[in-house]
C-alpha atoms as a PDB file:
ATOM      1  CA  MET A   1       0.000   0.000   0.000  1.00  0.00           C
ATOM      2  CA  ARG A   2       1.385   3.380  -1.013  1.00  0.00           C
ATOM      3  CA  ILE A   3       1.838   5.999   1.701  1.00  0.00           C
ATOM      4  CA  ILE A   4       0.751   9.391   0.359  1.00  0.00           C
ATOM      5  CA  PRO A   5       1.116  12.394   2.688  1.00  0.00           C
ATOM      6  CA  ALA A   6      -1.099  15.376   1.924  1.00  0.00           C
ATOM      7  CA  ILE A   7      -0.200  19.019   1.575  1.00  0.00           C
ATOM      8  CA  ASP A   8      -3.204  21.331   1.286  1.00  0.00           C
ATOM      9  CA  ILE A   9      -2.464  24.830   0.005  1.00  0.00           C
ATOM     10  CA  ILE A  10      -4.172  28.148   0.758  1.00  0.00           C
ATOM     11  CA  GLU A  11      -2.363  31.339  -0.320  1.00  0.00           C
ATOM     12  CA  GLY A  12       0.792  29.300  -0.955  1.00  0.00           C
ATOM     13  CA  LYS A  13       0.913  27.952   2.615  1.00  0.00           C
ATOM     14  CA  CYS A  14       0.563  24.428   3.996  1.00  0.00           C
ATOM     15  CA  VAL A  15      -2.744  24.234   5.908  1.00  0.00           C
ATOM     16  CA  ARG A  16      -5.309  21.729   7.155  1.00  0.00           C
ATOM     17  CA  LEU A  17      -9.075  22.046   7.408  1.00  0.00           C
ATOM     18  CA  SER A  18     -11.613  20.016   9.375  1.00  0.00           C
ATOM     19  CA  LYS A  19     -14.406  18.430   7.300  1.00  0.00           C
ATOM     20  CA  GLY A  20     -13.425  20.735   4.421  1.00  0.00           C
ATOM     21  CA  ASP A  21     -14.564  23.837   6.322  1.00  0.00           C
ATOM     22  CA  TYR A  22     -12.405  26.807   5.295  1.00  0.00           C
ATOM     23  CA  ALA A  23     -13.244  28.551   8.595  1.00  0.00           C
ATOM     24  CA  THR A  24     -11.253  25.854  10.437  1.00  0.00           C
ATOM     25  CA  LYS A  25      -8.015  26.626   8.560  1.00  0.00           C
ATOM     26  CA  LYS A  26      -4.832  25.980  10.516  1.00  0.00           C
ATOM     27  CA  ILE A  27      -1.472  26.948   9.010  1.00  0.00           C
ATOM     28  CA  TYR A  28       1.258  24.365   9.634  1.00  0.00           C
ATOM     29  CA  ASN A  29       4.049  25.752   7.503  1.00  0.00           C
ATOM     30  CA  GLU A  30       4.429  28.809   5.282  1.00  0.00           C
ATOM     31  CA  TYR A  31       6.807  26.901   2.989  1.00  0.00           C
ATOM     32  CA  PRO A  32       5.249  23.740   1.498  1.00  0.00           C
ATOM     33  CA  LEU A  33       8.545  22.828  -0.189  1.00  0.00           C
ATOM     34  CA  GLU A  34      10.133  22.375   3.264  1.00  0.00           C
ATOM     35  CA  VAL A  35       7.363  19.955   4.215  1.00  0.00           C
ATOM     36  CA  ALA A  36       7.709  18.039   0.941  1.00  0.00           C
ATOM     37  CA  LYS A  37      11.486  17.752   1.345  1.00  0.00           C
ATOM     38  CA  GLU A  38      11.064  16.346   4.847  1.00  0.00           C
ATOM     39  CA  PHE A  39       8.689  13.685   3.519  1.00  0.00           C
ATOM     40  CA  GLU A  40      11.187  12.778   0.802  1.00  0.00           C
ATOM     41  CA  ALA A  41      14.020  12.588   3.357  1.00  0.00           C
ATOM     42  CA  HIS A  42      12.048   9.823   5.123  1.00  0.00           C
ATOM     43  CA  GLY A  43      11.817   7.655   2.013  1.00  0.00           C
ATOM     44  CA  ILE A  44       8.335   8.772   0.997  1.00  0.00           C
ATOM     45  CA  GLU A  45       7.846   8.742  -2.770  1.00  0.00           C
ATOM     46  CA  TYR A  46       4.333  10.143  -3.217  1.00  0.00           C
ATOM     47  CA  LEU A  47       2.505  13.376  -2.411  1.00  0.00           C
ATOM     48  CA  HIS A  48      -1.151  14.410  -2.538  1.00  0.00           C
ATOM     49  CA  LEU A  49      -1.161  18.163  -3.245  1.00  0.00           C
ATOM     50  CA  VAL A  50      -4.477  19.996  -2.994  1.00  0.00           C
ATOM     51  CA  ASP A  51      -5.068  23.511  -4.281  1.00  0.00           C
ATOM     52  CA  LEU A  52      -7.785  24.652  -1.865  1.00  0.00           C
ATOM     53  CA  ASP A  53      -7.833  28.138  -3.416  1.00  0.00           C
ATOM     54  CA  GLY A  54      -8.375  26.431  -6.755  1.00  0.00           C
ATOM     55  CA  ALA A  55     -11.228  24.316  -5.380  1.00  0.00           C
ATOM     56  CA  LYS A  56     -12.977  27.475  -4.188  1.00  0.00           C
ATOM     57  CA  SER A  57     -12.345  29.581  -7.287  1.00  0.00           C
ATOM     58  CA  LYS A  58     -13.003  26.722  -9.735  1.00  0.00           C
ATOM     59  CA  HIS A  59      -9.714  27.021 -11.634  1.00  0.00           C
ATOM     60  CA  ILE A  60      -6.086  26.179 -10.913  1.00  0.00           C
ATOM     61  CA  VAL A  61      -4.430  28.756  -8.609  1.00  0.00           C
ATOM     62  CA  ASN A  62      -1.411  27.347  -6.765  1.00  0.00           C
ATOM     63  CA  HIS A  63       0.427  25.787  -9.709  1.00  0.00           C
ATOM     64  CA  LYS A  64       3.643  27.620  -8.739  1.00  0.00           C
ATOM     65  CA  VAL A  65       3.750  25.592  -5.513  1.00  0.00           C
ATOM     66  CA  LEU A  66       3.283  22.418  -7.573  1.00  0.00           C
ATOM     67  CA  GLU A  67       6.071  23.490  -9.931  1.00  0.00           C
ATOM     68  CA  GLN A  68       8.424  24.265  -7.048  1.00  0.00           C
ATOM     69  CA  ILE A  69       7.886  20.917  -5.298  1.00  0.00           C
ATOM     70  CA  ALA A  70       8.020  18.942  -8.560  1.00  0.00           C
ATOM     71  CA  SER A  71      11.262  20.618  -9.687  1.00  0.00           C
ATOM     72  CA  LYS A  72      13.035  20.412  -6.306  1.00  0.00           C
ATOM     73  CA  THR A  73      12.044  16.914  -5.150  1.00  0.00           C
ATOM     74  CA  ASN A  74      11.560  13.526  -6.820  1.00  0.00           C
ATOM     75  CA  LEU A  75       8.117  13.054  -5.293  1.00  0.00           C
ATOM     76  CA  LYS A  76       5.410  11.709  -7.589  1.00  0.00           C
ATOM     77  CA  ILE A  77       2.625  14.235  -7.110  1.00  0.00           C
ATOM     78  CA  ASP A  78      -1.079  13.824  -7.590  1.00  0.00           C
ATOM     79  CA  PHE A  79      -2.620  17.276  -7.831  1.00  0.00           C
ATOM     80  CA  GLY A  80      -6.221  18.355  -7.378  1.00  0.00           C
ATOM     81  CA  GLY A  81      -8.439  21.289  -6.548  1.00  0.00           C
ATOM     82  CA  GLY A  82     -10.395  23.347  -9.049  1.00  0.00           C
ATOM     83  CA  LEU A  83      -9.342  21.535 -12.222  1.00  0.00           C
ATOM     84  CA  LYS A  84     -12.200  22.327 -14.583  1.00  0.00           C
ATOM     85  CA  THR A  85     -10.824  22.888 -18.072  1.00  0.00           C
ATOM     86  CA  ASP A  86      -8.361  21.385 -20.540  1.00  0.00           C
ATOM     87  CA  GLU A  87      -6.175  24.435 -19.843  1.00  0.00           C
ATOM     88  CA  ASP A  88      -6.167  23.742 -16.072  1.00  0.00           C
ATOM     89  CA  LEU A  89      -5.060  20.191 -16.819  1.00  0.00           C
ATOM     90  CA  ARG A  90      -2.351  21.319 -19.227  1.00  0.00           C
ATOM     91  CA  ILE A  91      -0.961  23.721 -16.581  1.00  0.00           C
ATOM     92  CA  ALA A  92      -1.030  21.007 -13.894  1.00  0.00           C
ATOM     93  CA  PHE A  93       0.861  18.477 -16.011  1.00  0.00           C
ATOM     94  CA  GLU A  94       3.320  21.078 -17.322  1.00  0.00           C
ATOM     95  CA  SER A  95       3.934  22.188 -13.721  1.00  0.00           C
ATOM     96  CA  GLY A  96       5.014  18.660 -12.839  1.00  0.00           C
ATOM     97  CA  ALA A  97       1.948  16.719 -11.689  1.00  0.00           C
ATOM     98  CA  ASN A  98       2.296  12.978 -12.154  1.00  0.00           C
ATOM     99  CA  GLN A  99      -1.467  12.457 -11.807  1.00  0.00           C
ATOM    100  CA  VAL A 100      -4.418  14.808 -11.421  1.00  0.00           C
ATOM    101  CA  THR A 101      -7.596  14.333  -9.423  1.00  0.00           C
ATOM    102  CA  GLY A 102     -10.990  15.427 -10.720  1.00  0.00           C
ATOM    103  CA  GLY A 103     -13.953  15.505  -8.356  1.00  0.00           C
ATOM    104  CA  SER A 104     -16.565  18.179  -9.085  1.00  0.00           C
ATOM    105  CA  ILE A 105     -15.836  18.022 -12.818  1.00  0.00           C
ATOM    106  CA  ALA A 106     -16.718  14.304 -12.842  1.00  0.00           C
ATOM    107  CA  VAL A 107     -20.156  15.154 -11.425  1.00  0.00           C
ATOM    108  CA  LYS A 108     -20.920  18.411 -13.213  1.00  0.00           C
ATOM    109  CA  ASN A 109     -19.216  17.885 -16.553  1.00  0.00           C
ATOM    110  CA  PRO A 110     -18.745  14.148 -17.108  1.00  0.00           C
ATOM    111  CA  ASP A 111     -18.062  14.528 -20.841  1.00  0.00           C
ATOM    112  CA  THR A 112     -14.953  16.610 -20.127  1.00  0.00           C
ATOM    113  CA  PHE A 113     -13.760  14.215 -17.437  1.00  0.00           C
ATOM    114  CA  ILE A 114     -14.237  11.180 -19.688  1.00  0.00           C
ATOM    115  CA  ALA A 115     -12.361  12.995 -22.470  1.00  0.00           C
ATOM    116  CA  TRP A 116      -9.448  13.513 -20.049  1.00  0.00           C
ATOM    117  CA  ILE A 117      -9.348   9.763 -19.268  1.00  0.00           C
ATOM    118  CA  GLN A 118      -9.329   9.005 -22.988  1.00  0.00           C
ATOM    119  CA  LYS A 119      -6.640  11.583 -23.753  1.00  0.00           C
ATOM    120  CA  TYR A 120      -4.223  11.045 -20.855  1.00  0.00           C
ATOM    121  CA  GLY A 121      -4.996   7.442 -19.865  1.00  0.00           C
ATOM    122  CA  ALA A 122      -6.374   5.864 -16.694  1.00  0.00           C
ATOM    123  CA  GLY A 123      -2.969   6.001 -15.005  1.00  0.00           C
ATOM    124  CA  LYS A 124      -2.935   9.805 -15.079  1.00  0.00           C
ATOM    125  CA  ILE A 125      -6.503  10.709 -14.090  1.00  0.00           C
ATOM    126  CA  ILE A 126      -7.799   9.965 -10.586  1.00  0.00           C
ATOM    127  CA  LEU A 127     -11.498  10.120  -9.764  1.00  0.00           C
ATOM    128  CA  GLY A 128     -12.096  12.103  -6.585  1.00  0.00           C
ATOM    129  CA  ALA A 129     -15.138  10.477  -4.987  1.00  0.00           C
ATOM    130  CA  ASP A 130     -15.639  12.376  -1.736  1.00  0.00           C
ATOM    131  CA  ALA A 131     -18.885  11.947   0.116  1.00  0.00           C
ATOM    132  CA  THR A 132     -21.084  12.951   3.020  1.00  0.00           C
ATOM    133  CA  ASN A 133     -23.576  10.253   4.036  1.00  0.00           C
ATOM    134  CA  GLU A 134     -22.488   8.426   0.857  1.00  0.00           C
ATOM    135  CA  LYS A 135     -23.635  11.309  -1.366  1.00  0.00           C
ATOM    136  CA  VAL A 136     -20.862  12.726  -3.549  1.00  0.00           C
ATOM    137  CA  ALA A 137     -19.816  16.273  -2.570  1.00  0.00           C
ATOM    138  CA  VAL A 138     -18.565  18.906  -5.008  1.00  0.00           C
ATOM    139  CA  SER A 139     -17.135  22.442  -5.168  1.00  0.00           C
ATOM    140  CA  GLY A 140     -14.484  22.005  -2.502  1.00  0.00           C
ATOM    141  CA  TRP A 141     -17.032  20.007  -0.484  1.00  0.00           C
ATOM    142  CA  GLN A 142     -19.247  23.081  -0.210  1.00  0.00           C
ATOM    143  CA  GLU A 143     -22.130  21.342  -2.015  1.00  0.00           C
ATOM    144  CA  GLU A 144     -23.701  17.883  -1.905  1.00  0.00           C
ATOM    145  CA  SER A 145     -24.820  16.290  -5.161  1.00  0.00           C
ATOM    146  CA  ASP A 146     -27.568  13.705  -5.633  1.00  0.00           C
ATOM    147  CA  LYS A 147     -25.017  11.078  -6.730  1.00  0.00           C
ATOM    148  CA  GLU A 148     -24.758   7.928  -4.608  1.00  0.00           C
ATOM    149  CA  LEU A 149     -21.093   7.161  -3.918  1.00  0.00           C
ATOM    150  CA  ILE A 150     -20.695   3.505  -4.920  1.00  0.00           C
ATOM    151  CA  PRO A 151     -22.856   3.647  -8.098  1.00  0.00           C
ATOM    152  CA  PHE A 152     -20.929   6.823  -9.049  1.00  0.00           C
ATOM    153  CA  ILE A 153     -17.600   4.986  -8.735  1.00  0.00           C
ATOM    154  CA  LYS A 154     -18.954   2.003 -10.700  1.00  0.00           C
ATOM    155  CA  GLU A 155     -20.128   4.265 -13.536  1.00  0.00           C
ATOM    156  CA  TYR A 156     -16.633   5.653 -13.914  1.00  0.00           C
ATOM    157  CA  ILE A 157     -14.929   2.266 -13.744  1.00  0.00           C
ATOM    158  CA  GLU A 158     -17.033   1.444 -16.824  1.00  0.00           C
ATOM    159  CA  GLN A 159     -15.571   4.588 -18.425  1.00  0.00           C
ATOM    160  CA  GLY A 160     -12.030   3.380 -17.776  1.00  0.00           C
ATOM    161  CA  VAL A 161     -11.155   4.889 -14.395  1.00  0.00           C
ATOM    162  CA  SER A 162      -8.735   2.741 -12.388  1.00  0.00           C
ATOM    163  CA  TYR A 163      -7.682   5.129  -9.578  1.00  0.00           C
ATOM    164  CA  VAL A 164     -10.174   6.502  -7.052  1.00  0.00           C
ATOM    165  CA  ILE A 165      -9.516   8.670  -4.002  1.00  0.00           C
ATOM    166  CA  SER A 166     -12.463   8.390  -1.644  1.00  0.00           C
ATOM    167  CA  THR A 167     -12.814  10.650   1.383  1.00  0.00           C
ATOM    168  CA  ASP A 168     -15.544  10.314   3.988  1.00  0.00           C
ATOM    169  CA  ILE A 169     -15.871  14.059   4.627  1.00  0.00           C
ATOM    170  CA  SER A 170     -17.337  13.539   8.102  1.00  0.00           C
ATOM    171  CA  LYS A 171     -13.994  11.952   9.047  1.00  0.00           C
ATOM    172  CA  ASP A 172     -11.638  14.379   7.331  1.00  0.00           C
ATOM    173  CA  GLY A 173      -9.324  16.214   9.697  1.00  0.00           C
ATOM    174  CA  MET A 174     -11.141  14.808  12.726  1.00  0.00           C
ATOM    175  CA  LEU A 175      -8.483  12.214  13.722  1.00  0.00           C
ATOM    176  CA  SER A 176     -11.304   9.783  14.496  1.00  0.00           C
ATOM    177  CA  GLY A 177     -10.174   6.876  12.308  1.00  0.00           C
ATOM    178  CA  PRO A 178     -10.960   6.116   8.648  1.00  0.00           C
ATOM    179  CA  SER A 179     -14.151   4.591   7.229  1.00  0.00           C
ATOM    180  CA  PHE A 180     -12.994   0.969   7.111  1.00  0.00           C
ATOM    181  CA  ASP A 181     -16.515  -0.364   6.439  1.00  0.00           C
ATOM    182  CA  LEU A 182     -17.080   2.018   3.551  1.00  0.00           C
ATOM    183  CA  TYR A 183     -13.794   1.101   1.866  1.00  0.00           C
ATOM    184  CA  GLN A 184     -14.480  -2.584   2.358  1.00  0.00           C
ATOM    185  CA  ARG A 185     -17.875  -2.197   0.667  1.00  0.00           C
ATOM    186  CA  ILE A 186     -16.435  -0.190  -2.235  1.00  0.00           C
ATOM    187  CA  LEU A 187     -13.792  -2.853  -2.859  1.00  0.00           C
ATOM    188  CA  SER A 188     -16.250  -5.743  -2.503  1.00  0.00           C
ATOM    189  CA  GLU A 189     -18.605  -4.142  -5.062  1.00  0.00           C
ATOM    190  CA  THR A 190     -15.985  -3.172  -7.644  1.00  0.00           C
ATOM    191  CA  LYS A 191     -13.346  -5.003  -9.633  1.00  0.00           C
ATOM    192  CA  SER A 192      -9.726  -4.088 -10.402  1.00  0.00           C
ATOM    193  CA  LEU A 193      -9.918  -0.748  -8.589  1.00  0.00           C
ATOM    194  CA  ASN A 194      -6.930   1.113  -7.130  1.00  0.00           C
ATOM    195  CA  LEU A 195      -8.698   2.608  -4.113  1.00  0.00           C
ATOM    196  CA  ILE A 196      -6.894   5.324  -2.172  1.00  0.00           C
ATOM    197  CA  ALA A 197      -8.301   5.851   1.317  1.00  0.00           C
ATOM    198  CA  SER A 198      -8.434   9.409   2.608  1.00  0.00           C
ATOM    199  CA  GLY A 199      -9.785  11.112   5.699  1.00  0.00           C
ATOM    200  CA  GLY A 200      -9.697  10.383   9.397  1.00  0.00           C
ATOM    201  CA  ILE A 201      -6.354   8.561   9.671  1.00  0.00           C
ATOM    202  CA  SER A 202      -5.435   9.074  13.324  1.00  0.00           C
ATOM    203  CA  GLU A 203      -2.802   6.519  14.300  1.00  0.00           C
ATOM    204  CA  PHE A 204      -0.227   4.257  12.736  1.00  0.00           C
ATOM    205  CA  ASP A 205      -2.074   0.982  13.529  1.00  0.00           C
ATOM    206  CA  GLU A 206      -4.827   1.939  11.077  1.00  0.00           C
ATOM    207  CA  LEU A 207      -2.460   1.637   8.114  1.00  0.00           C
ATOM    208  CA  PRO A 208      -2.019  -2.175   8.165  1.00  0.00           C
ATOM    209  CA  LYS A 209      -5.827  -2.506   8.462  1.00  0.00           C
ATOM    210  CA  LEU A 210      -6.349  -0.415   5.336  1.00  0.00           C
ATOM    211  CA  GLU A 211      -3.740  -2.500   3.534  1.00  0.00           C
ATOM    212  CA  GLU A 212      -5.485  -5.685   4.644  1.00  0.00           C
ATOM    213  CA  ILE A 213      -8.830  -4.444   3.275  1.00  0.00           C
ATOM    214  CA  GLY A 214      -7.114  -3.973  -0.081  1.00  0.00           C
ATOM    215  CA  CYS A 215      -6.564  -0.205  -0.363  1.00  0.00           C
ATOM    216  CA  GLU A 216      -3.883   0.587  -2.952  1.00  0.00           C
ATOM    217  CA  GLY A 217      -2.836   3.741  -1.119  1.00  0.00           C
ATOM    218  CA  THR A 218      -3.718   5.934   1.814  1.00  0.00           C
ATOM    219  CA  ILE A 219      -3.548   9.691   2.164  1.00  0.00           C
ATOM    220  CA  ILE A 220      -2.395  10.975   5.536  1.00  0.00           C
ATOM    221  CA  GLY A 221      -2.706  14.615   6.543  1.00  0.00           C
ATOM    222  CA  LYS A 222      -3.466  15.973   9.963  1.00  0.00           C
ATOM    223  CA  ALA A 223      -2.152  12.879  11.802  1.00  0.00           C
ATOM    224  CA  ILE A 224       1.330  13.768  10.553  1.00  0.00           C
ATOM    225  CA  TYR A 225       1.027  17.483  11.274  1.00  0.00           C
ATOM    226  CA  GLU A 226      -0.294  16.851  14.793  1.00  0.00           C
ATOM    227  CA  ASN A 227       2.488  14.283  15.446  1.00  0.00           C
ATOM    228  CA  ARG A 228       0.068  11.382  15.844  1.00  0.00           C
ATOM    229  CA  ILE A 229       2.030   9.515  13.162  1.00  0.00           C
ATOM    230  CA  THR A 230       5.718  10.313  12.721  1.00  0.00           C
ATOM    231  CA  PRO A 231       7.608  10.428   9.426  1.00  0.00           C
ATOM    232  CA  LYS A 232       9.982   7.851  10.974  1.00  0.00           C
ATOM    233  CA  GLN A 233       7.079   5.404  11.475  1.00  0.00           C
ATOM    234  CA  LEU A 234       6.110   5.868   7.835  1.00  0.00           C
ATOM    235  CA  GLU A 235       9.722   5.360   6.764  1.00  0.00           C
ATOM    236  CA  ASN A 236       9.896   2.073   8.668  1.00  0.00           C
ATOM    237  CA  TYR A 237       6.555   0.944   7.195  1.00  0.00           C
ATOM    238  CA  ILE A 238       7.809   1.615   3.655  1.00  0.00           C
ATOM    239  CA  VAL A 239      11.114  -0.163   4.312  1.00  0.00           C
ATOM    240  CA  ASN A 240       9.304  -3.222   5.732  1.00  0.00           C
ATOM    241  CA  GLN A 241       7.007  -3.375   2.712  1.00  0.00           C
ATOM    242  CA  LYS A 242       9.981  -3.491   0.369  1.00  0.00           C
ATOM    243  CA  GLN A 243      11.680  -6.381   2.196  1.00  0.00           C
END
């Protein structure tokens, strides 16, 4: 299972929110590159970079941060937040994103999202399937759609999607543990899916459980920033996996 730390960006700074609420913003570091370099120093290879300004303004905003991290580390970055147009996608990839995540666009403009999968391939485009009460949320989690989570994921698997990041928004930033049952159900009802768990990770012991369920990766945010999980623990986990 891939370990994927998260860096969320507002005004170029590394922040965390609780349940996606911008009013709960807490700044952890003014220099995201420093954070990324520390992850890399502990053997971490992947990064989940979220442009929260982009999610709110519905177009890419913090691509300079992406470019800086991509050019000054070897981290493989998946980038999301406000990607709505072909131009947004072009900027993200040219700025160094390895993969991009589309959430709202997959709900509101499926034709564009499907065209991206066809153009760039399933390895480059991640479906962001974030939900409250198993209803898919959009617009930086500010709105709930009428889409049921698991049928929504299944529809996109039929369209060629192979990577899905799924966040239970009620868990995000709450350090209350991830939605094991939800991920188990998603994986039992889908085939050949690379499911990336996100939201609620609170302690190291949860990681082997997510791996056991069959998650391909897990995104860890606040637990790292609040020192509930240390970079050294993650380093050891990665080393043990490779043995």
